[in-house]
Amino acid sequence: MKKIKKYLQLIKKKDPALHSNFEVLIYPFTIAYCYYKIAHFFYLHKFYFIARYLSEQAKSKTGIEIHPGASIGKNFFIDHGTGVVIGETAIIGNNVMLYHNVTLGALNFTKGKRHPTIEDNVTIGTGSIILGDITIGANSVIGAGAIVLKDVPKNSRIIGIYK
């Protein structure tokens, strides 16, 4: 219960438009993240169909698609959320914030790691597209609408096309 209360406080802190814990409970990110946590459990235990089914349910209810195979750290947050896509082999560190219409996608259909790794304390702006097995360094900010196709060093500020 303590963990849930702390998470509700985090979400309220990240989005000042939320005025109560009850609002947080119907927030699209909260719903999608709860589905993800359950789906991820099934994915890790090789119940892939159930995991994917839950992921698809979350997507249809919220417009947020988080593959159950993605690895997500603590204090992750998506503001607004509609149109967010997080691929199967994406790794997201702690204290990462995404805005709506962000894609963490692949450049190919091969097996193995093919989605981005986002290190700790990264903010990714609205409409950004980050593709491939690349790393976004800790404490970086990816500006709205950026397209990122290569590794980003720690403490960077990226706008436009970065390839």
C-alpha atoms as a PDB file:
ATOM      1  CA  MET A   1       0.000   0.000   0.000  1.00  0.00           C
ATOM      2  CA  LYS A   2       2.903   2.344   0.795  1.00  0.00           C
ATOM      3  CA  LYS A   3       4.354   1.734  -2.675  1.00  0.00           C
ATOM      4  CA  ILE A   4       1.039   2.570  -4.365  1.00  0.00           C
ATOM      5  CA  LYS A   5       0.621   5.752  -2.327  1.00  0.00           C
ATOM      6  CA  LYS A   6       4.157   6.845  -3.244  1.00  0.00           C
ATOM      7  CA  TYR A   7       3.463   6.192  -6.935  1.00  0.00           C
ATOM      8  CA  LEU A   8       0.218   8.183  -6.824  1.00  0.00           C
ATOM      9  CA  GLN A   9       2.155  11.095  -5.308  1.00  0.00           C
ATOM     10  CA  LEU A  10       4.760  10.827  -8.070  1.00  0.00           C
ATOM     11  CA  ILE A  11       2.105  11.004 -10.788  1.00  0.00           C
ATOM     12  CA  LYS A  12       0.398  13.984  -9.141  1.00  0.00           C
ATOM     13  CA  LYS A  13       3.767  15.735  -8.895  1.00  0.00           C
ATOM     14  CA  LYS A  14       4.551  15.111 -12.587  1.00  0.00           C
ATOM     15  CA  ASP A  15       1.141  16.337 -13.779  1.00  0.00           C
ATOM     16  CA  PRO A  16      -0.173  19.380 -11.928  1.00  0.00           C
ATOM     17  CA  ALA A  17      -3.506  19.099 -13.794  1.00  0.00           C
ATOM     18  CA  LEU A  18      -4.409  16.157 -11.563  1.00  0.00           C
ATOM     19  CA  HIS A  19      -6.165  17.245  -8.377  1.00  0.00           C
ATOM     20  CA  SER A  20      -6.838  13.991  -6.523  1.00  0.00           C
ATOM     21  CA  ASN A  21      -5.769  10.381  -6.147  1.00  0.00           C
ATOM     22  CA  PHE A  22      -9.097   9.353  -7.669  1.00  0.00           C
ATOM     23  CA  GLU A  23      -8.244  11.221 -10.880  1.00  0.00           C
ATOM     24  CA  VAL A  24      -4.900   9.444 -10.990  1.00  0.00           C
ATOM     25  CA  LEU A  25      -6.708   6.095 -10.937  1.00  0.00           C
ATOM     26  CA  ILE A  26      -8.507   6.846 -14.217  1.00  0.00           C
ATOM     27  CA  TYR A  27      -5.504   8.486 -15.862  1.00  0.00           C
ATOM     28  CA  PRO A  28      -4.567   6.653 -19.120  1.00  0.00           C
ATOM     29  CA  PHE A  29      -0.951   6.150 -18.034  1.00  0.00           C
ATOM     30  CA  THR A  30      -2.006   4.580 -14.728  1.00  0.00           C
ATOM     31  CA  ILE A  31      -4.280   2.134 -16.533  1.00  0.00           C
ATOM     32  CA  ALA A  32      -1.701   1.264 -19.210  1.00  0.00           C
ATOM     33  CA  TYR A  33       1.075   0.854 -16.637  1.00  0.00           C
ATOM     34  CA  CYS A  34      -1.023  -1.487 -14.474  1.00  0.00           C
ATOM     35  CA  TYR A  35      -1.769  -3.615 -17.544  1.00  0.00           C
ATOM     36  CA  TYR A  36       1.931  -3.557 -18.442  1.00  0.00           C
ATOM     37  CA  LYS A  37       3.038  -4.738 -14.985  1.00  0.00           C
ATOM     38  CA  ILE A  38       0.688  -7.733 -15.138  1.00  0.00           C
ATOM     39  CA  ALA A  39       1.496  -8.477 -18.790  1.00  0.00           C
ATOM     40  CA  HIS A  40       5.232  -8.247 -18.067  1.00  0.00           C
ATOM     41  CA  PHE A  41       4.854 -10.836 -15.307  1.00  0.00           C
ATOM     42  CA  PHE A  42       3.201 -13.252 -17.755  1.00  0.00           C
ATOM     43  CA  TYR A  43       5.797 -12.467 -20.423  1.00  0.00           C
ATOM     44  CA  LEU A  44       8.663 -13.281 -18.051  1.00  0.00           C
ATOM     45  CA  HIS A  45       6.982 -16.600 -17.276  1.00  0.00           C
ATOM     46  CA  LYS A  46       6.637 -17.363 -21.003  1.00  0.00           C
ATOM     47  CA  PHE A  47       2.835 -16.972 -21.132  1.00  0.00           C
ATOM     48  CA  TYR A  48       3.219 -14.874 -24.263  1.00  0.00           C
ATOM     49  CA  PHE A  49      -0.375 -15.043 -25.480  1.00  0.00           C
ATOM     50  CA  ILE A  50      -1.809 -13.800 -22.174  1.00  0.00           C
ATOM     51  CA  ALA A  51       0.863 -11.115 -21.972  1.00  0.00           C
ATOM     52  CA  ARG A  52       0.118  -9.896 -25.472  1.00  0.00           C
ATOM     53  CA  TYR A  53      -3.643 -10.053 -24.912  1.00  0.00           C
ATOM     54  CA  LEU A  54      -3.312  -7.774 -21.868  1.00  0.00           C
ATOM     55  CA  SER A  55      -1.054  -5.423 -23.801  1.00  0.00           C
ATOM     56  CA  GLU A  56      -3.610  -5.167 -26.592  1.00  0.00           C
ATOM     57  CA  GLN A  57      -6.383  -4.491 -24.061  1.00  0.00           C
ATOM     58  CA  ALA A  58      -4.345  -1.629 -22.594  1.00  0.00           C
ATOM     59  CA  LYS A  59      -3.703  -0.215 -26.063  1.00  0.00           C
ATOM     60  CA  SER A  60      -7.382  -0.285 -26.989  1.00  0.00           C
ATOM     61  CA  LYS A  61      -8.398   1.375 -23.708  1.00  0.00           C
ATOM     62  CA  THR A  62      -5.674   4.036 -23.506  1.00  0.00           C
ATOM     63  CA  GLY A  63      -3.900   4.452 -26.854  1.00  0.00           C
ATOM     64  CA  ILE A  64      -0.632   3.554 -25.118  1.00  0.00           C
ATOM     65  CA  GLU A  65       1.199   0.488 -26.445  1.00  0.00           C
ATOM     66  CA  ILE A  66       3.824  -0.965 -24.139  1.00  0.00           C
ATOM     67  CA  HIS A  67       5.096  -4.361 -25.257  1.00  0.00           C
ATOM     68  CA  PRO A  68       5.083  -6.782 -22.306  1.00  0.00           C
ATOM     69  CA  GLY A  69       8.721  -7.661 -23.028  1.00  0.00           C
ATOM     70  CA  ALA A  70       9.953  -4.109 -22.482  1.00  0.00           C
ATOM     71  CA  SER A  71      11.962  -3.476 -19.320  1.00  0.00           C
ATOM     72  CA  ILE A  72      10.937  -0.393 -17.354  1.00  0.00           C
ATOM     73  CA  GLY A  73      12.639   1.111 -14.291  1.00  0.00           C
ATOM     74  CA  LYS A  74      11.267   3.000 -11.298  1.00  0.00           C
ATOM     75  CA  ASN A  75       9.351   6.286 -11.409  1.00  0.00           C
ATOM     76  CA  PHE A  76       8.528   5.962 -15.113  1.00  0.00           C
ATOM     77  CA  PHE A  77       5.819   8.341 -16.326  1.00  0.00           C
ATOM     78  CA  ILE A  78       3.964   9.080 -19.563  1.00  0.00           C
ATOM     79  CA  ASP A  79       2.144  12.425 -19.723  1.00  0.00           C
ATOM     80  CA  HIS A  80      -1.057  12.310 -21.791  1.00  0.00           C
ATOM     81  CA  GLY A  81       0.130   9.109 -23.473  1.00  0.00           C
ATOM     82  CA  THR A  82      -1.947   8.734 -26.607  1.00  0.00           C
ATOM     83  CA  GLY A  83       0.140   7.310 -29.423  1.00  0.00           C
ATOM     84  CA  VAL A  84       3.075   6.123 -27.300  1.00  0.00           C
ATOM     85  CA  VAL A  85       4.696   2.920 -28.601  1.00  0.00           C
ATOM     86  CA  ILE A  86       7.369   1.055 -26.634  1.00  0.00           C
ATOM     87  CA  GLY A  87       8.896  -1.962 -28.380  1.00  0.00           C
ATOM     88  CA  GLU A  88       9.646  -5.422 -27.028  1.00  0.00           C
ATOM     89  CA  THR A  89      13.381  -5.041 -26.377  1.00  0.00           C
ATOM     90  CA  ALA A  90      13.270  -1.443 -25.156  1.00  0.00           C
ATOM     91  CA  ILE A  91      14.982  -0.827 -21.827  1.00  0.00           C
ATOM     92  CA  ILE A  92      13.878   2.218 -19.851  1.00  0.00           C
ATOM     93  CA  GLY A  93      15.807   3.372 -16.793  1.00  0.00           C
ATOM     94  CA  ASN A  94      14.637   5.150 -13.654  1.00  0.00           C
ATOM     95  CA  ASN A  95      12.930   8.556 -13.577  1.00  0.00           C
ATOM     96  CA  VAL A  96      12.155   8.615 -17.301  1.00  0.00           C
ATOM     97  CA  MET A  97       9.342  10.775 -18.638  1.00  0.00           C
ATOM     98  CA  LEU A  98       7.704  10.465 -22.051  1.00  0.00           C
ATOM     99  CA  TYR A  99       5.136  12.730 -23.627  1.00  0.00           C
ATOM    100  CA  HIS A 100       2.461  11.669 -26.113  1.00  0.00           C
ATOM    101  CA  ASN A 101       3.186  10.231 -29.564  1.00  0.00           C
ATOM    102  CA  VAL A 102       6.664   8.982 -28.628  1.00  0.00           C
ATOM    103  CA  THR A 103       7.928   5.862 -30.413  1.00  0.00           C
ATOM    104  CA  LEU A 104      10.713   3.659 -29.062  1.00  0.00           C
ATOM    105  CA  GLY A 105      10.890   1.428 -32.118  1.00  0.00           C
ATOM    106  CA  ALA A 106      13.038  -0.895 -34.184  1.00  0.00           C
ATOM    107  CA  LEU A 107      14.784  -0.477 -37.520  1.00  0.00           C
ATOM    108  CA  ASN A 108      14.636  -4.158 -38.435  1.00  0.00           C
ATOM    109  CA  PHE A 109      12.756  -7.385 -37.763  1.00  0.00           C
ATOM    110  CA  THR A 110      15.641  -9.538 -36.572  1.00  0.00           C
ATOM    111  CA  LYS A 111      15.676 -11.434 -33.276  1.00  0.00           C
ATOM    112  CA  GLY A 112      17.542  -9.951 -30.344  1.00  0.00           C
ATOM    113  CA  LYS A 113      17.942  -6.389 -29.094  1.00  0.00           C
ATOM    114  CA  ARG A 114      16.464  -4.005 -31.642  1.00  0.00           C
ATOM    115  CA  HIS A 115      14.853  -1.198 -29.602  1.00  0.00           C
ATOM    116  CA  PRO A 116      16.386   1.748 -27.724  1.00  0.00           C
ATOM    117  CA  THR A 117      17.835   1.815 -24.232  1.00  0.00           C
ATOM    118  CA  ILE A 118      16.857   4.922 -22.318  1.00  0.00           C
ATOM    119  CA  GLU A 119      19.102   5.598 -19.333  1.00  0.00           C
ATOM    120  CA  ASP A 120      18.056   7.288 -16.058  1.00  0.00           C
ATOM    121  CA  ASN A 121      16.566  10.783 -15.773  1.00  0.00           C
ATOM    122  CA  VAL A 122      15.701  11.224 -19.445  1.00  0.00           C
ATOM    123  CA  THR A 123      12.802  13.289 -20.782  1.00  0.00           C
ATOM    124  CA  ILE A 124      11.496  12.567 -24.280  1.00  0.00           C
ATOM    125  CA  GLY A 125       9.319  15.248 -25.864  1.00  0.00           C
ATOM    126  CA  THR A 126       6.075  14.961 -27.772  1.00  0.00           C
ATOM    127  CA  GLY A 127       6.226  13.227 -31.136  1.00  0.00           C
ATOM    128  CA  SER A 128       9.813  12.038 -30.830  1.00  0.00           C
ATOM    129  CA  ILE A 129      10.886   8.926 -32.699  1.00  0.00           C
ATOM    130  CA  ILE A 130      13.803   6.930 -31.351  1.00  0.00           C
ATOM    131  CA  LEU A 131      14.690   3.913 -33.470  1.00  0.00           C
ATOM    132  CA  GLY A 132      17.080   0.997 -33.256  1.00  0.00           C
ATOM    133  CA  ASP A 133      19.389  -0.563 -30.701  1.00  0.00           C
ATOM    134  CA  ILE A 134      20.779   2.764 -29.527  1.00  0.00           C
ATOM    135  CA  THR A 135      21.284   4.346 -26.116  1.00  0.00           C
ATOM    136  CA  ILE A 136      19.981   7.675 -24.902  1.00  0.00           C
ATOM    137  CA  GLY A 137      22.437   8.746 -22.198  1.00  0.00           C
ATOM    138  CA  ALA A 138      21.421   9.623 -18.648  1.00  0.00           C
ATOM    139  CA  ASN A 139      20.117  13.120 -17.859  1.00  0.00           C
ATOM    140  CA  SER A 140      19.359  13.888 -21.509  1.00  0.00           C
ATOM    141  CA  VAL A 141      16.394  15.704 -23.013  1.00  0.00           C
ATOM    142  CA  ILE A 142      15.035  14.775 -26.418  1.00  0.00           C
ATOM    143  CA  GLY A 143      13.059  17.707 -27.820  1.00  0.00           C
ATOM    144  CA  ALA A 144       9.584  17.498 -29.300  1.00  0.00           C
ATOM    145  CA  GLY A 145       9.501  15.981 -32.771  1.00  0.00           C
ATOM    146  CA  ALA A 146      13.107  14.789 -32.712  1.00  0.00           C
ATOM    147  CA  ILE A 147      14.149  11.771 -34.745  1.00  0.00           C
ATOM    148  CA  VAL A 148      17.035   9.928 -33.106  1.00  0.00           C
ATOM    149  CA  LEU A 149      18.918   7.188 -34.974  1.00  0.00           C
ATOM    150  CA  LYS A 150      22.257   7.039 -33.132  1.00  0.00           C
ATOM    151  CA  ASP A 151      23.538   6.963 -29.555  1.00  0.00           C
ATOM    152  CA  VAL A 152      23.091  10.131 -27.527  1.00  0.00           C
ATOM    153  CA  PRO A 153      25.789  10.993 -24.961  1.00  0.00           C
ATOM    154  CA  LYS A 154      24.874  11.628 -21.313  1.00  0.00           C
ATOM    155  CA  ASN A 155      23.655  15.128 -20.396  1.00  0.00           C
ATOM    156  CA  SER A 156      22.661  15.980 -23.985  1.00  0.00           C
ATOM    157  CA  ARG A 157      19.904  18.147 -25.435  1.00  0.00           C
ATOM    158  CA  ILE A 158      18.734  16.857 -28.832  1.00  0.00           C
ATOM    159  CA  ILE A 159      16.405  18.599 -31.285  1.00  0.00           C
ATOM    160  CA  GLY A 160      15.623  17.850 -34.925  1.00  0.00           C
ATOM    161  CA  ILE A 161      17.097  14.852 -36.726  1.00  0.00           C
ATOM    162  CA  TYR A 162      20.043  13.185 -34.990  1.00  0.00           C
ATOM    163  CA  LYS A 163      21.664  10.498 -37.150  1.00  0.00           C
END
